[in-house]
PDB file of N, CA and C in Angstrom:
ATOM      1  N   MET A   1       0.831  -1.180   0.000  1.00  0.00           N
ATOM      2  CA  MET A   1       0.000   0.000   0.000  1.00  0.00           C
ATOM      3  C   MET A   1       0.881   1.251   0.000  1.00  0.00           C
ATOM      4  N   ILE A   2       0.390   2.276  -0.634  1.00  0.00           N
ATOM      5  CA  ILE A   2       1.063   3.564  -0.696  1.00  0.00           C
ATOM      6  C   ILE A   2       0.163   4.595  -0.028  1.00  0.00           C
ATOM      7  N   LYS A   3       0.740   5.369   0.859  1.00  0.00           N
ATOM      8  CA  LYS A   3       0.002   6.446   1.510  1.00  0.00           C
ATOM      9  C   LYS A   3       0.245   7.718   0.710  1.00  0.00           C
ATOM     10  N   VAL A   4      -0.836   8.372   0.290  1.00  0.00           N
ATOM     11  CA  VAL A   4      -0.750   9.594  -0.500  1.00  0.00           C
ATOM     12  C   VAL A   4      -1.285  10.744   0.340  1.00  0.00           C
ATOM     13  N   LEU A   5      -0.486  11.804   0.459  1.00  0.00           N
ATOM     14  CA  LEU A   5      -0.859  12.976   1.252  1.00  0.00           C
ATOM     15  C   LEU A   5      -0.970  14.199   0.348  1.00  0.00           C
ATOM     16  N   PHE A   6      -1.918  15.064   0.671  1.00  0.00           N
ATOM     17  CA  PHE A   6      -2.095  16.329  -0.048  1.00  0.00           C
ATOM     18  C   PHE A   6      -1.995  17.461   0.965  1.00  0.00           C
ATOM     19  N   PHE A   7      -1.258  18.517   0.618  1.00  0.00           N
ATOM     20  CA  PHE A   7      -1.019  19.607   1.554  1.00  0.00           C
ATOM     21  C   PHE A   7      -1.470  20.962   1.011  1.00  0.00           C
ATOM     22  N   ALA A   8      -1.673  21.879   1.943  1.00  0.00           N
ATOM     23  CA  ALA A   8      -1.954  23.298   1.677  1.00  0.00           C
ATOM     24  C   ALA A   8      -3.218  23.461   0.834  1.00  0.00           C
ATOM     25  N   GLN A   9      -3.193  24.405  -0.091  1.00  0.00           N
ATOM     26  CA  GLN A   9      -4.391  24.684  -0.882  1.00  0.00           C
ATOM     27  C   GLN A   9      -4.792  23.493  -1.739  1.00  0.00           C
ATOM     28  N   LEU A  10      -3.857  22.653  -2.110  1.00  0.00           N
ATOM     29  CA  LEU A  10      -4.186  21.459  -2.890  1.00  0.00           C
ATOM     30  C   LEU A  10      -5.125  20.560  -2.101  1.00  0.00           C
ATOM     31  N   ARG A  11      -4.835  20.371  -0.823  1.00  0.00           N
ATOM     32  CA  ARG A  11      -5.696  19.571   0.058  1.00  0.00           C
ATOM     33  C   ARG A  11      -7.102  20.176   0.098  1.00  0.00           C
ATOM     34  N   ASP A  12      -7.184  21.481   0.243  1.00  0.00           N
ATOM     35  CA  ASP A  12      -8.478  22.153   0.319  1.00  0.00           C
ATOM     36  C   ASP A  12      -9.250  22.028  -0.993  1.00  0.00           C
ATOM     37  N   GLN A  13      -8.563  22.187  -2.113  1.00  0.00           N
ATOM     38  CA  GLN A  13      -9.221  22.126  -3.414  1.00  0.00           C
ATOM     39  C   GLN A  13      -9.689  20.711  -3.758  1.00  0.00           C
ATOM     40  N   LEU A  14      -8.907  19.703  -3.372  1.00  0.00           N
ATOM     41  CA  LEU A  14      -9.288  18.315  -3.650  1.00  0.00           C
ATOM     42  C   LEU A  14     -10.336  17.809  -2.666  1.00  0.00           C
ATOM     43  N   GLY A  15     -10.355  18.397  -1.474  1.00  0.00           N
ATOM     44  CA  GLY A  15     -11.310  17.972  -0.462  1.00  0.00           C
ATOM     45  C   GLY A  15     -10.903  16.703   0.268  1.00  0.00           C
ATOM     46  N   VAL A  16      -9.609  16.382   0.227  1.00  0.00           N
ATOM     47  CA  VAL A  16      -9.110  15.184   0.899  1.00  0.00           C
ATOM     48  C   VAL A  16      -7.665  15.445   1.333  1.00  0.00           C
ATOM     49  N   SER A  17      -7.304  14.917   2.491  1.00  0.00           N
ATOM     50  CA  SER A  17      -5.940  15.126   2.969  1.00  0.00           C
ATOM     51  C   SER A  17      -5.045  13.920   2.732  1.00  0.00           C
ATOM     52  N   GLU A  18      -5.641  12.721   2.694  1.00  0.00           N
ATOM     53  CA  GLU A  18      -4.817  11.540   2.434  1.00  0.00           C
ATOM     54  C   GLU A  18      -5.637  10.386   1.882  1.00  0.00           C
ATOM     55  N   LEU A  19      -4.941   9.507   1.176  1.00  0.00           N
ATOM     56  CA  LEU A  19      -5.514   8.293   0.587  1.00  0.00           C
ATOM     57  C   LEU A  19      -4.537   7.154   0.795  1.00  0.00           C
ATOM     58  N   THR A  20      -5.034   5.941   0.770  1.00  0.00           N
ATOM     59  CA  THR A  20      -4.185   4.758   0.757  1.00  0.00           C
ATOM     60  C   THR A  20      -4.518   3.988  -0.507  1.00  0.00           C
ATOM     61  N   LEU A  21      -3.496   3.715  -1.318  1.00  0.00           N
ATOM     62  CA  LEU A  21      -3.705   3.066  -2.615  1.00  0.00           C
ATOM     63  C   LEU A  21      -2.854   1.815  -2.751  1.00  0.00           C
ATOM     64  N   ASN A  22      -3.266   0.949  -3.654  1.00  0.00           N
ATOM     65  CA  ASN A  22      -2.549  -0.285  -3.940  1.00  0.00           C
ATOM     66  C   ASN A  22      -1.237   0.033  -4.650  1.00  0.00           C
ATOM     67  N   SER A  23      -0.140  -0.468  -4.142  1.00  0.00           N
ATOM     68  CA  SER A  23       1.162  -0.196  -4.753  1.00  0.00           C
ATOM     69  C   SER A  23       1.350  -0.935  -6.078  1.00  0.00           C
ATOM     70  N   ASP A  24       0.674  -2.056  -6.264  1.00  0.00           N
ATOM     71  CA  ASP A  24       0.820  -2.824  -7.507  1.00  0.00           C
ATOM     72  C   ASP A  24       0.357  -2.040  -8.732  1.00  0.00           C
ATOM     73  N   GLN A  25      -0.597  -1.142  -8.554  1.00  0.00           N
ATOM     74  CA  GLN A  25      -1.138  -0.375  -9.673  1.00  0.00           C
ATOM     75  C   GLN A  25      -0.441   0.965  -9.853  1.00  0.00           C
ATOM     76  N   ASN A  26       0.533   1.262  -9.011  1.00  0.00           N
ATOM     77  CA  ASN A  26       1.207   2.559  -9.036  1.00  0.00           C
ATOM     78  C   ASN A  26       2.721   2.376  -8.926  1.00  0.00           C
ATOM     79  N   PRO A  27       3.361   1.928 -10.012  1.00  0.00           N
ATOM     80  CA  PRO A  27       4.798   1.632  -9.948  1.00  0.00           C
ATOM     81  C   PRO A  27       5.706   2.854  -9.835  1.00  0.00           C
ATOM     82  N   ASN A  28       5.185   4.046 -10.228  1.00  0.00           N
ATOM     83  CA  ASN A  28       5.973   5.270 -10.084  1.00  0.00           C
ATOM     84  C   ASN A  28       5.032   6.447  -9.872  1.00  0.00           C
ATOM     85  N   VAL A  29       5.595   7.598  -9.583  1.00  0.00           N
ATOM     86  CA  VAL A  29       4.782   8.774  -9.265  1.00  0.00           C
ATOM     87  C   VAL A  29       3.920   9.195 -10.452  1.00  0.00           C
ATOM     88  N   GLN A  30       4.444   9.138 -11.664  1.00  0.00           N
ATOM     89  CA  GLN A  30       3.667   9.538 -12.837  1.00  0.00           C
ATOM     90  C   GLN A  30       2.419   8.671 -13.005  1.00  0.00           C
ATOM     91  N   VAL A  31       2.559   7.363 -12.865  1.00  0.00           N
ATOM     92  CA  VAL A  31       1.402   6.465 -12.980  1.00  0.00           C
ATOM     93  C   VAL A  31       0.417   6.746 -11.845  1.00  0.00           C
ATOM     94  N   LEU A  32       0.927   6.976 -10.651  1.00  0.00           N
ATOM     95  CA  LEU A  32       0.072   7.320  -9.523  1.00  0.00           C
ATOM     96  C   LEU A  32      -0.743   8.573  -9.837  1.00  0.00           C
ATOM     97  N   LEU A  33      -0.094   9.603 -10.361  1.00  0.00           N
ATOM     98  CA  LEU A  33      -0.803  10.831 -10.727  1.00  0.00           C
ATOM     99  C   LEU A  33      -1.883  10.573 -11.767  1.00  0.00           C
ATOM    100  N   GLU A  34      -1.546   9.800 -12.786  1.00  0.00           N
ATOM    101  CA  GLU A  34      -2.531   9.488 -13.837  1.00  0.00           C
ATOM    102  C   GLU A  34      -3.725   8.739 -13.250  1.00  0.00           C
ATOM    103  N   ASN A  35      -3.479   7.803 -12.347  1.00  0.00           N
ATOM    104  CA  ASN A  35      -4.566   7.066 -11.708  1.00  0.00           C
ATOM    105  C   ASN A  35      -5.424   7.978 -10.836  1.00  0.00           C
ATOM    106  N   LEU A  36      -4.800   8.902 -10.135  1.00  0.00           N
ATOM    107  CA  LEU A  36      -5.553   9.854  -9.312  1.00  0.00           C
ATOM    108  C   LEU A  36      -6.417  10.767 -10.179  1.00  0.00           C
ATOM    109  N   LYS A  37      -5.847  11.252 -11.284  1.00  0.00           N
ATOM    110  CA  LYS A  37      -6.599  12.140 -12.181  1.00  0.00           C
ATOM    111  C   LYS A  37      -7.785  11.422 -12.811  1.00  0.00           C
ATOM    112  N   ALA A  38      -7.657  10.128 -13.040  1.00  0.00           N
ATOM    113  CA  ALA A  38      -8.739   9.347 -13.644  1.00  0.00           C
ATOM    114  C   ALA A  38      -9.896   9.107 -12.668  1.00  0.00           C
ATOM    115  N   GLN A  39      -9.632   9.206 -11.382  1.00  0.00           N
ATOM    116  CA  GLN A  39     -10.670   8.965 -10.370  1.00  0.00           C
ATOM    117  C   GLN A  39     -11.714  10.068 -10.321  1.00  0.00           C
ATOM    118  N   ASN A  40     -11.312  11.295 -10.680  1.00  0.00           N
ATOM    119  CA  ASN A  40     -12.213  12.425 -10.520  1.00  0.00           C
ATOM    120  C   ASN A  40     -11.832  13.491 -11.545  1.00  0.00           C
ATOM    121  N   THR A  41     -12.789  13.889 -12.376  1.00  0.00           N
ATOM    122  CA  THR A  41     -12.477  14.853 -13.437  1.00  0.00           C
ATOM    123  C   THR A  41     -12.023  16.194 -12.868  1.00  0.00           C
ATOM    124  N   GLY A  42     -12.505  16.584 -11.711  1.00  0.00           N
ATOM    125  CA  GLY A  42     -12.071  17.828 -11.094  1.00  0.00           C
ATOM    126  C   GLY A  42     -10.623  17.779 -10.650  1.00  0.00           C
ATOM    127  N   TRP A  43     -10.150  16.597 -10.335  1.00  0.00           N
ATOM    128  CA  TRP A  43      -8.772  16.434  -9.882  1.00  0.00           C
ATOM    129  C   TRP A  43      -7.775  16.576 -11.029  1.00  0.00           C
ATOM    130  N   ASP A  44      -8.214  16.263 -12.241  1.00  0.00           N
ATOM    131  CA  ASP A  44      -7.311  16.295 -13.396  1.00  0.00           C
ATOM    132  C   ASP A  44      -6.630  17.656 -13.528  1.00  0.00           C
ATOM    133  N   LYS A  45      -7.404  18.724 -13.474  1.00  0.00           N
ATOM    134  CA  LYS A  45      -6.851  20.067 -13.622  1.00  0.00           C
ATOM    135  C   LYS A  45      -5.906  20.404 -12.470  1.00  0.00           C
ATOM    136  N   LEU A  46      -6.299  20.074 -11.248  1.00  0.00           N
ATOM    137  CA  LEU A  46      -5.482  20.408 -10.075  1.00  0.00           C
ATOM    138  C   LEU A  46      -4.167  19.630 -10.037  1.00  0.00           C
ATOM    139  N   LEU A  47      -4.203  18.373 -10.458  1.00  0.00           N
ATOM    140  CA  LEU A  47      -3.009  17.527 -10.403  1.00  0.00           C
ATOM    141  C   LEU A  47      -2.150  17.619 -11.659  1.00  0.00           C
ATOM    142  N   SER A  48      -2.588  18.404 -12.630  1.00  0.00           N
ATOM    143  CA  SER A  48      -1.835  18.561 -13.874  1.00  0.00           C
ATOM    144  C   SER A  48      -0.979  19.824 -13.884  1.00  0.00           C
ATOM    145  N   LYS A  49      -1.053  20.606 -12.828  1.00  0.00           N
ATOM    146  CA  LYS A  49      -0.278  21.848 -12.789  1.00  0.00           C
ATOM    147  C   LYS A  49       1.214  21.546 -12.830  1.00  0.00           C
ATOM    148  N   GLY A  50       1.920  22.242 -13.683  1.00  0.00           N
ATOM    149  CA  GLY A  50       3.359  22.039 -13.834  1.00  0.00           C
ATOM    150  C   GLY A  50       4.156  22.414 -12.602  1.00  0.00           C
ATOM    151  N   THR A  51       3.557  23.188 -11.717  1.00  0.00           N
ATOM    152  CA  THR A  51       4.264  23.624 -10.511  1.00  0.00           C
ATOM    153  C   THR A  51       4.063  22.674  -9.332  1.00  0.00           C
ATOM    154  N   LEU A  52       3.273  21.638  -9.514  1.00  0.00           N
ATOM    155  CA  LEU A  52       2.999  20.677  -8.447  1.00  0.00           C
ATOM    156  C   LEU A  52       4.305  20.024  -7.985  1.00  0.00           C
ATOM    157  N   MET A  53       4.515  20.010  -6.696  1.00  0.00           N
ATOM    158  CA  MET A  53       5.726  19.397  -6.151  1.00  0.00           C
ATOM    159  C   MET A  53       5.367  18.052  -5.521  1.00  0.00           C
ATOM    160  N   VAL A  54       6.368  17.168  -5.463  1.00  0.00           N
ATOM    161  CA  VAL A  54       6.140  15.835  -4.910  1.00  0.00           C
ATOM    162  C   VAL A  54       7.321  15.442  -4.022  1.00  0.00           C
ATOM    163  N   ALA A  55       6.991  14.746  -2.955  1.00  0.00           N
ATOM    164  CA  ALA A  55       8.019  14.178  -2.079  1.00  0.00           C
ATOM    165  C   ALA A  55       7.675  12.706  -1.871  1.00  0.00           C
ATOM    166  N   VAL A  56       8.681  11.866  -1.936  1.00  0.00           N
ATOM    167  CA  VAL A  56       8.513  10.439  -1.655  1.00  0.00           C
ATOM    168  C   VAL A  56       9.303  10.152  -0.385  1.00  0.00           C
ATOM    169  N   ASN A  57       8.597   9.648   0.611  1.00  0.00           N
ATOM    170  CA  ASN A  57       9.201   9.365   1.919  1.00  0.00           C
ATOM    171  C   ASN A  57       9.941  10.592   2.466  1.00  0.00           C
ATOM    172  N   GLN A  58       9.269  11.749   2.339  1.00  0.00           N
ATOM    173  CA  GLN A  58       9.722  13.028   2.882  1.00  0.00           C
ATOM    174  C   GLN A  58      10.984  13.579   2.217  1.00  0.00           C
ATOM    175  N   THR A  59      11.263  13.127   0.998  1.00  0.00           N
ATOM    176  CA  THR A  59      12.382  13.643   0.223  1.00  0.00           C
ATOM    177  C   THR A  59      11.841  14.164  -1.104  1.00  0.00           C
ATOM    178  N   ILE A  60      12.151  15.422  -1.427  1.00  0.00           N
ATOM    179  CA  ILE A  60      11.692  15.989  -2.695  1.00  0.00           C
ATOM    180  C   ILE A  60      12.112  15.056  -3.825  1.00  0.00           C
ATOM    181  N   SER A  61      11.168  14.802  -4.730  1.00  0.00           N
ATOM    182  CA  SER A  61      11.410  13.817  -5.772  1.00  0.00           C
ATOM    183  C   SER A  61      10.874  14.336  -7.099  1.00  0.00           C
ATOM    184  N   ASN A  62      10.805  13.451  -8.081  1.00  0.00           N
ATOM    185  CA  ASN A  62      10.223  13.800  -9.371  1.00  0.00           C
ATOM    186  C   ASN A  62       9.211  12.729  -9.762  1.00  0.00           C
ATOM    187  N   LYS A  63       8.575  12.939 -10.889  1.00  0.00           N
ATOM    188  CA  LYS A  63       7.494  12.038 -11.311  1.00  0.00           C
ATOM    189  C   LYS A  63       7.983  10.686 -11.802  1.00  0.00           C
ATOM    190  N   ASN A  64       9.283  10.521 -11.989  1.00  0.00           N
ATOM    191  CA  ASN A  64       9.825   9.236 -12.418  1.00  0.00           C
ATOM    192  C   ASN A  64      10.208   8.335 -11.248  1.00  0.00           C
ATOM    193  N   ALA A  65      10.068   8.823 -10.041  1.00  0.00           N
ATOM    194  CA  ALA A  65      10.467   8.054  -8.859  1.00  0.00           C
ATOM    195  C   ALA A  65       9.664   6.758  -8.750  1.00  0.00           C
ATOM    196  N   THR A  66      10.377   5.664  -8.548  1.00  0.00           N
ATOM    197  CA  THR A  66       9.752   4.353  -8.378  1.00  0.00           C
ATOM    198  C   THR A  66       9.110   4.269  -7.007  1.00  0.00           C
ATOM    199  N   LEU A  67       7.946   3.614  -6.956  1.00  0.00           N
ATOM    200  CA  LEU A  67       7.228   3.449  -5.695  1.00  0.00           C
ATOM    201  C   LEU A  67       7.120   1.974  -5.332  1.00  0.00           C
ATOM    202  N   VAL A  68       7.206   1.701  -4.043  1.00  0.00           N
ATOM    203  CA  VAL A  68       7.026   0.342  -3.536  1.00  0.00           C
ATOM    204  C   VAL A  68       6.074   0.404  -2.339  1.00  0.00           C
ATOM    205  N   SER A  69       5.556  -0.745  -1.978  1.00  0.00           N
ATOM    206  CA  SER A  69       4.638  -0.819  -0.848  1.00  0.00           C
ATOM    207  C   SER A  69       5.285  -0.226   0.399  1.00  0.00           C
ATOM    208  N   GLY A  70       4.524   0.579   1.115  1.00  0.00           N
ATOM    209  CA  GLY A  70       5.009   1.224   2.321  1.00  0.00           C
ATOM    210  C   GLY A  70       5.478   2.650   2.099  1.00  0.00           C
ATOM    211  N   ASP A  71       5.592   3.068   0.829  1.00  0.00           N
ATOM    212  CA  ASP A  71       6.030   4.440   0.547  1.00  0.00           C
ATOM    213  C   ASP A  71       4.944   5.450   0.916  1.00  0.00           C
ATOM    214  N   GLU A  72       5.401   6.660   1.200  1.00  0.00           N
ATOM    215  CA  GLU A  72       4.518   7.794   1.447  1.00  0.00           C
ATOM    216  C   GLU A  72       4.818   8.831   0.377  1.00  0.00           C
ATOM    217  N   VAL A  73       3.782   9.253  -0.339  1.00  0.00           N
ATOM    218  CA  VAL A  73       3.936  10.234  -1.407  1.00  0.00           C
ATOM    219  C   VAL A  73       3.126  11.471  -1.027  1.00  0.00           C
ATOM    220  N   ALA A  74       3.768  12.622  -1.055  1.00  0.00           N
ATOM    221  CA  ALA A  74       3.089  13.866  -0.715  1.00  0.00           C
ATOM    222  C   ALA A  74       3.107  14.810  -1.913  1.00  0.00           C
ATOM    223  N   PHE A  75       1.948  15.410  -2.171  1.00  0.00           N
ATOM    224  CA  PHE A  75       1.826  16.408  -3.232  1.00  0.00           C
ATOM    225  C   PHE A  75       1.501  17.747  -2.594  1.00  0.00           C
ATOM    226  N   PHE A  76       2.152  18.798  -3.088  1.00  0.00           N
ATOM    227  CA  PHE A  76       1.917  20.116  -2.514  1.00  0.00           C
ATOM    228  C   PHE A  76       2.289  21.203  -3.520  1.00  0.00           C
ATOM    229  N   PRO A  77       1.720  22.400  -3.354  1.00  0.00           N
ATOM    230  CA  PRO A  77       2.077  23.504  -4.240  1.00  0.00           C
ATOM    231  C   PRO A  77       3.468  24.001  -3.909  1.00  0.00           C
ATOM    232  N   PRO A  78       4.064  24.805  -4.786  1.00  0.00           N
ATOM    233  CA  PRO A  78       5.395  25.351  -4.494  1.00  0.00           C
ATOM    234  C   PRO A  78       5.390  26.108  -3.167  1.00  0.00           C
ATOM    235  N   VAL A  79       6.490  26.040  -2.475  1.00  0.00           N
ATOM    236  CA  VAL A  79       6.619  26.681  -1.177  1.00  0.00           C
ATOM    237  C   VAL A  79       7.514  27.898  -1.332  1.00  0.00           C
ATOM    238  N   THR A  80       7.063  29.003  -0.761  1.00  0.00           N
ATOM    239  CA  THR A  80       7.903  30.195  -0.754  1.00  0.00           C
ATOM    240  C   THR A  80       8.106  30.643   0.678  1.00  0.00           C
ATOM    241  N   GLY A  81       9.157  31.307   0.896  1.00  0.00           N
ATOM    242  CA  GLY A  81       9.447  31.774   2.249  1.00  0.00           C
ATOM    243  C   GLY A  81       9.514  33.274   2.313  1.00  0.00           C
ATOM    244  N   GLY A  82       9.645  33.759   3.495  1.00  0.00           N
ATOM    245  CA  GLY A  82       9.734  35.193   3.612  1.00  0.00           C
ATOM    246  C   GLY A  82      10.187  35.587   4.989  1.00  0.00           C
TER     247      GLY A  82
END
């Protein structure tokens, strides 16, 4: 199983903070994103933003990152500081 987390405004816009998904159907972050977008047409636009950031097991990653059972994947908008 893969734990998927959504943060900040993305969480608010999607209406969900976390999901648990089958790891067999999500071999990498890109496939996971495509599967998430297919679940809900409203999610497609939100999860297709080029600025969407991803972390796998609390390490900033990219969409090619391989996923295995037990991984935690977090999606969030760009972070700025001040």
